[in-house]
């Protein structure tokens, strides 16, 4: 019997039996990062985000995580830090750090939720709103540049595929 009770011969139908007649998994093929979808999406996201960040980081002394927090709150104010973390898919610690810096710089305001006076929420301050209003056109110009290099059909297809990918249940 195998030392690995979870590993049954049916799990590795092509694996040859070892000297004791047991089926062992064969060495997997090496991961080809250049064709591995999660890696490619991550690299592409980093390239695009980095290019956009070049347009605002130095000018506004604004990091990428700080901008992401501001972008979410510019679209939907009165969210908790946890809500921001969920919407950005960023680590809660990174969101907390960005929120602290933005609060200290006077770019965010913290107040109680109009719906629940026990719940603390965040919104752009007037200073933060002014920066948001300056950065949005920079971000939109990058998207316009990407879109200009695609046909309308390619752009629709890309967005349809991204929508589908966002809705895939990520389980093994």
C-alpha atoms as a PDB file:
ATOM      1  CA  UNK A   1       0.000   0.000   0.000  1.00  0.00           C
ATOM      2  CA  UNK A   2       1.190   3.544  -0.741  1.00  0.00           C
ATOM      3  CA  UNK A   3       2.686   5.829   1.924  1.00  0.00           C
ATOM      4  CA  UNK A   4       0.420   8.471   0.421  1.00  0.00           C
ATOM      5  CA  UNK A   5      -3.169   7.369   1.174  1.00  0.00           C
ATOM      6  CA  UNK A   6      -4.554  10.336  -0.823  1.00  0.00           C
ATOM      7  CA  UNK A   7      -2.687   9.239  -3.951  1.00  0.00           C
ATOM      8  CA  UNK A   8      -4.474   6.474  -5.768  1.00  0.00           C
ATOM      9  CA  UNK A   9      -3.268   4.810  -8.956  1.00  0.00           C
ATOM     10  CA  UNK A  10      -6.199   6.373 -10.836  1.00  0.00           C
ATOM     11  CA  UNK A  11      -4.765   9.824 -10.013  1.00  0.00           C
ATOM     12  CA  UNK A  12      -1.653   9.004 -12.054  1.00  0.00           C
ATOM     13  CA  UNK A  13      -2.752   6.600 -14.777  1.00  0.00           C
ATOM     14  CA  UNK A  14       0.460   7.070 -16.808  1.00  0.00           C
ATOM     15  CA  UNK A  15       2.848   6.727 -13.875  1.00  0.00           C
ATOM     16  CA  UNK A  16       4.829   3.482 -13.909  1.00  0.00           C
ATOM     17  CA  UNK A  17       4.861   1.374 -10.734  1.00  0.00           C
ATOM     18  CA  UNK A  18       8.026   1.616  -8.636  1.00  0.00           C
ATOM     19  CA  UNK A  19      10.157  -1.372  -7.548  1.00  0.00           C
ATOM     20  CA  UNK A  20       7.530  -2.247  -4.929  1.00  0.00           C
ATOM     21  CA  UNK A  21       4.670  -2.139  -7.415  1.00  0.00           C
ATOM     22  CA  UNK A  22       3.364   1.188  -6.142  1.00  0.00           C
ATOM     23  CA  UNK A  23       2.255   3.994  -8.413  1.00  0.00           C
ATOM     24  CA  UNK A  24       4.194   7.208  -7.808  1.00  0.00           C
ATOM     25  CA  UNK A  25       3.556  10.512  -9.483  1.00  0.00           C
ATOM     26  CA  UNK A  26       5.921  11.337 -12.287  1.00  0.00           C
ATOM     27  CA  UNK A  27       7.886  14.558 -12.198  1.00  0.00           C
ATOM     28  CA  UNK A  28       5.621  17.291 -13.509  1.00  0.00           C
ATOM     29  CA  UNK A  29       6.510  19.322 -16.553  1.00  0.00           C
ATOM     30  CA  UNK A  30       8.310  22.533 -15.605  1.00  0.00           C
ATOM     31  CA  UNK A  31       6.084  25.556 -15.302  1.00  0.00           C
ATOM     32  CA  UNK A  32       6.369  27.729 -18.404  1.00  0.00           C
ATOM     33  CA  UNK A  33       5.832  31.177 -16.940  1.00  0.00           C
ATOM     34  CA  UNK A  34       5.772  32.878 -20.336  1.00  0.00           C
ATOM     35  CA  UNK A  35       2.531  30.970 -21.083  1.00  0.00           C
ATOM     36  CA  UNK A  36       1.134  30.669 -17.514  1.00  0.00           C
ATOM     37  CA  UNK A  37      -2.013  32.826 -17.363  1.00  0.00           C
ATOM     38  CA  UNK A  38      -1.779  34.016 -13.723  1.00  0.00           C
ATOM     39  CA  UNK A  39       1.827  35.075 -14.253  1.00  0.00           C
ATOM     40  CA  UNK A  40       1.049  36.826 -17.532  1.00  0.00           C
ATOM     41  CA  UNK A  41      -1.894  38.718 -16.022  1.00  0.00           C
ATOM     42  CA  UNK A  42       0.228  39.778 -13.051  1.00  0.00           C
ATOM     43  CA  UNK A  43       3.088  40.995 -15.244  1.00  0.00           C
ATOM     44  CA  UNK A  44       0.716  42.859 -17.549  1.00  0.00           C
ATOM     45  CA  UNK A  45      -1.052  44.469 -14.604  1.00  0.00           C
ATOM     46  CA  UNK A  46       2.274  45.525 -13.098  1.00  0.00           C
ATOM     47  CA  UNK A  47       3.474  46.974 -16.421  1.00  0.00           C
ATOM     48  CA  UNK A  48       0.304  48.990 -16.974  1.00  0.00           C
ATOM     49  CA  UNK A  49       0.022  50.133 -13.347  1.00  0.00           C
ATOM     50  CA  UNK A  50       3.703  51.061 -13.318  1.00  0.00           C
ATOM     51  CA  UNK A  51       3.385  53.101 -16.509  1.00  0.00           C
ATOM     52  CA  UNK A  52       0.379  54.973 -15.135  1.00  0.00           C
ATOM     53  CA  UNK A  53       2.156  55.493 -11.794  1.00  0.00           C
ATOM     54  CA  UNK A  54       5.019  57.232 -13.592  1.00  0.00           C
ATOM     55  CA  UNK A  55       2.473  59.879 -14.517  1.00  0.00           C
ATOM     56  CA  UNK A  56       1.508  60.682 -10.914  1.00  0.00           C
ATOM     57  CA  UNK A  57       3.999  59.281  -8.368  1.00  0.00           C
ATOM     58  CA  UNK A  58       6.569  62.046  -8.431  1.00  0.00           C
ATOM     59  CA  UNK A  59       4.182  64.868  -9.233  1.00  0.00           C
ATOM     60  CA  UNK A  60       1.808  64.050  -6.364  1.00  0.00           C
ATOM     61  CA  UNK A  61       4.084  61.986  -4.054  1.00  0.00           C
ATOM     62  CA  UNK A  62       1.516  59.236  -4.360  1.00  0.00           C
ATOM     63  CA  UNK A  63       2.303  55.514  -4.267  1.00  0.00           C
ATOM     64  CA  UNK A  64       0.415  52.920  -6.285  1.00  0.00           C
ATOM     65  CA  UNK A  65      -1.442  51.536  -3.221  1.00  0.00           C
ATOM     66  CA  UNK A  66      -2.359  55.080  -2.176  1.00  0.00           C
ATOM     67  CA  UNK A  67      -3.707  55.816  -5.647  1.00  0.00           C
ATOM     68  CA  UNK A  68      -5.746  52.607  -5.651  1.00  0.00           C
ATOM     69  CA  UNK A  69      -7.348  53.600  -2.355  1.00  0.00           C
ATOM     70  CA  UNK A  70      -8.084  57.070  -3.710  1.00  0.00           C
ATOM     71  CA  UNK A  71      -9.443  55.675  -6.981  1.00  0.00           C
ATOM     72  CA  UNK A  72     -11.895  53.413  -5.139  1.00  0.00           C
ATOM     73  CA  UNK A  73     -13.025  56.207  -2.816  1.00  0.00           C
ATOM     74  CA  UNK A  74     -13.270  58.654  -5.715  1.00  0.00           C
ATOM     75  CA  UNK A  75     -15.744  56.312  -7.358  1.00  0.00           C
ATOM     76  CA  UNK A  76     -17.528  55.237  -4.175  1.00  0.00           C
ATOM     77  CA  UNK A  77     -17.029  57.301  -1.013  1.00  0.00           C
ATOM     78  CA  UNK A  78     -17.918  56.242   2.527  1.00  0.00           C
ATOM     79  CA  UNK A  79     -16.298  52.821   2.486  1.00  0.00           C
ATOM     80  CA  UNK A  80     -14.487  51.171   5.371  1.00  0.00           C
ATOM     81  CA  UNK A  81     -10.822  50.227   4.978  1.00  0.00           C
ATOM     82  CA  UNK A  82     -11.977  46.588   4.794  1.00  0.00           C
ATOM     83  CA  UNK A  83     -14.345  47.450   1.937  1.00  0.00           C
ATOM     84  CA  UNK A  84     -11.469  49.169   0.117  1.00  0.00           C
ATOM     85  CA  UNK A  85      -9.229  46.126   0.607  1.00  0.00           C
ATOM     86  CA  UNK A  86     -11.940  43.865  -0.780  1.00  0.00           C
ATOM     87  CA  UNK A  87     -12.599  46.028  -3.843  1.00  0.00           C
ATOM     88  CA  UNK A  88      -8.903  46.465  -4.672  1.00  0.00           C
ATOM     89  CA  UNK A  89      -7.958  42.843  -3.860  1.00  0.00           C
ATOM     90  CA  UNK A  90      -5.055  44.374  -1.923  1.00  0.00           C
ATOM     91  CA  UNK A  91      -3.673  43.038   1.330  1.00  0.00           C
ATOM     92  CA  UNK A  92      -5.354  44.638   4.366  1.00  0.00           C
ATOM     93  CA  UNK A  93      -1.968  45.683   5.739  1.00  0.00           C
ATOM     94  CA  UNK A  94      -1.096  47.497   2.488  1.00  0.00           C
ATOM     95  CA  UNK A  95      -4.491  49.224   2.490  1.00  0.00           C
ATOM     96  CA  UNK A  96      -4.086  50.185   6.146  1.00  0.00           C
ATOM     97  CA  UNK A  97      -0.636  51.664   5.456  1.00  0.00           C
ATOM     98  CA  UNK A  98      -1.918  53.594   2.428  1.00  0.00           C
ATOM     99  CA  UNK A  99      -4.945  54.868   4.358  1.00  0.00           C
ATOM    100  CA  UNK A 100      -2.727  56.042   7.231  1.00  0.00           C
ATOM    101  CA  UNK A 101      -0.435  57.958   4.833  1.00  0.00           C
ATOM    102  CA  UNK A 102      -3.408  59.496   3.031  1.00  0.00           C
ATOM    103  CA  UNK A 103      -5.043  60.531   6.310  1.00  0.00           C
ATOM    104  CA  UNK A 104      -1.751  62.020   7.556  1.00  0.00           C
ATOM    105  CA  UNK A 105      -1.345  63.933   4.268  1.00  0.00           C
ATOM    106  CA  UNK A 106      -4.893  65.288   4.513  1.00  0.00           C
ATOM    107  CA  UNK A 107      -6.003  63.478   1.366  1.00  0.00           C
ATOM    108  CA  UNK A 108      -8.634  61.360   3.127  1.00  0.00           C
ATOM    109  CA  UNK A 109     -11.159  62.020   5.847  1.00  0.00           C
ATOM    110  CA  UNK A 110     -12.520  59.475   8.300  1.00  0.00           C
ATOM    111  CA  UNK A 111     -16.039  59.862   9.647  1.00  0.00           C
ATOM    112  CA  UNK A 112     -18.948  57.767  10.817  1.00  0.00           C
ATOM    113  CA  UNK A 113     -21.196  56.083   8.282  1.00  0.00           C
ATOM    114  CA  UNK A 114     -24.454  57.918   7.636  1.00  0.00           C
ATOM    115  CA  UNK A 115     -26.167  54.493   7.795  1.00  0.00           C
ATOM    116  CA  UNK A 116     -24.445  53.177  10.947  1.00  0.00           C
ATOM    117  CA  UNK A 117     -22.976  55.667  13.413  1.00  0.00           C
ATOM    118  CA  UNK A 118     -20.791  52.900  14.915  1.00  0.00           C
ATOM    119  CA  UNK A 119     -19.014  52.257  11.601  1.00  0.00           C
ATOM    120  CA  UNK A 120     -15.980  54.340  10.551  1.00  0.00           C
ATOM    121  CA  UNK A 121     -15.750  55.093   6.830  1.00  0.00           C
ATOM    122  CA  UNK A 122     -13.368  56.928   4.522  1.00  0.00           C
ATOM    123  CA  UNK A 123     -13.829  59.564   1.846  1.00  0.00           C
ATOM    124  CA  UNK A 124     -11.601  61.848  -0.172  1.00  0.00           C
ATOM    125  CA  UNK A 125     -10.937  65.199   1.470  1.00  0.00           C
ATOM    126  CA  UNK A 126     -11.151  68.321  -0.714  1.00  0.00           C
ATOM    127  CA  UNK A 127      -7.354  68.064  -1.117  1.00  0.00           C
ATOM    128  CA  UNK A 128      -7.673  64.386  -2.063  1.00  0.00           C
ATOM    129  CA  UNK A 129     -10.508  65.142  -4.484  1.00  0.00           C
ATOM    130  CA  UNK A 130      -8.348  67.738  -6.253  1.00  0.00           C
ATOM    131  CA  UNK A 131      -5.531  65.187  -6.677  1.00  0.00           C
ATOM    132  CA  UNK A 132      -8.037  62.561  -7.828  1.00  0.00           C
ATOM    133  CA  UNK A 133      -9.376  65.016 -10.420  1.00  0.00           C
ATOM    134  CA  UNK A 134      -5.810  65.564 -11.704  1.00  0.00           C
ATOM    135  CA  UNK A 135      -4.821  61.868 -11.805  1.00  0.00           C
ATOM    136  CA  UNK A 136      -7.968  60.475 -13.464  1.00  0.00           C
ATOM    137  CA  UNK A 137      -7.186  62.026 -16.868  1.00  0.00           C
ATOM    138  CA  UNK A 138      -3.641  60.587 -16.672  1.00  0.00           C
ATOM    139  CA  UNK A 139      -5.030  57.098 -16.038  1.00  0.00           C
ATOM    140  CA  UNK A 140      -7.668  57.496 -18.733  1.00  0.00           C
ATOM    141  CA  UNK A 141      -5.035  58.612 -21.256  1.00  0.00           C
ATOM    142  CA  UNK A 142      -3.155  55.333 -20.682  1.00  0.00           C
ATOM    143  CA  UNK A 143      -6.320  53.342 -21.236  1.00  0.00           C
ATOM    144  CA  UNK A 144      -7.066  55.393 -24.365  1.00  0.00           C
ATOM    145  CA  UNK A 145      -3.558  54.602 -25.656  1.00  0.00           C
ATOM    146  CA  UNK A 146      -4.094  50.866 -25.155  1.00  0.00           C
ATOM    147  CA  UNK A 147      -7.570  51.018 -26.692  1.00  0.00           C
ATOM    148  CA  UNK A 148      -6.298  52.922 -29.727  1.00  0.00           C
ATOM    149  CA  UNK A 149      -4.047  49.963 -30.534  1.00  0.00           C
ATOM    150  CA  UNK A 150      -7.015  47.579 -30.710  1.00  0.00           C
ATOM    151  CA  UNK A 151     -10.027  47.323 -32.951  1.00  0.00           C
ATOM    152  CA  UNK A 152     -13.475  47.873 -31.437  1.00  0.00           C
ATOM    153  CA  UNK A 153     -14.079  44.126 -31.700  1.00  0.00           C
ATOM    154  CA  UNK A 154     -10.795  43.307 -29.929  1.00  0.00           C
ATOM    155  CA  UNK A 155     -11.639  45.798 -27.168  1.00  0.00           C
ATOM    156  CA  UNK A 156     -15.108  44.249 -26.675  1.00  0.00           C
ATOM    157  CA  UNK A 157     -13.622  40.749 -26.703  1.00  0.00           C
ATOM    158  CA  UNK A 158     -10.943  41.712 -24.170  1.00  0.00           C
ATOM    159  CA  UNK A 159     -13.546  43.166 -21.821  1.00  0.00           C
ATOM    160  CA  UNK A 160     -15.832  40.147 -22.252  1.00  0.00           C
ATOM    161  CA  UNK A 161     -12.946  37.795 -21.452  1.00  0.00           C
ATOM    162  CA  UNK A 162     -11.901  39.854 -18.429  1.00  0.00           C
ATOM    163  CA  UNK A 163     -15.504  39.764 -17.182  1.00  0.00           C
ATOM    164  CA  UNK A 164     -15.533  35.988 -17.574  1.00  0.00           C
ATOM    165  CA  UNK A 165     -12.194  35.600 -15.792  1.00  0.00           C
ATOM    166  CA  UNK A 166     -13.424  37.764 -12.897  1.00  0.00           C
ATOM    167  CA  UNK A 167     -16.416  35.460 -12.454  1.00  0.00           C
ATOM    168  CA  UNK A 168     -14.538  32.149 -12.515  1.00  0.00           C
ATOM    169  CA  UNK A 169     -14.615  30.267  -9.222  1.00  0.00           C
ATOM    170  CA  UNK A 170     -10.972  29.834  -8.244  1.00  0.00           C
ATOM    171  CA  UNK A 171     -10.918  26.434  -6.595  1.00  0.00           C
ATOM    172  CA  UNK A 172      -8.863  23.324  -7.146  1.00  0.00           C
END
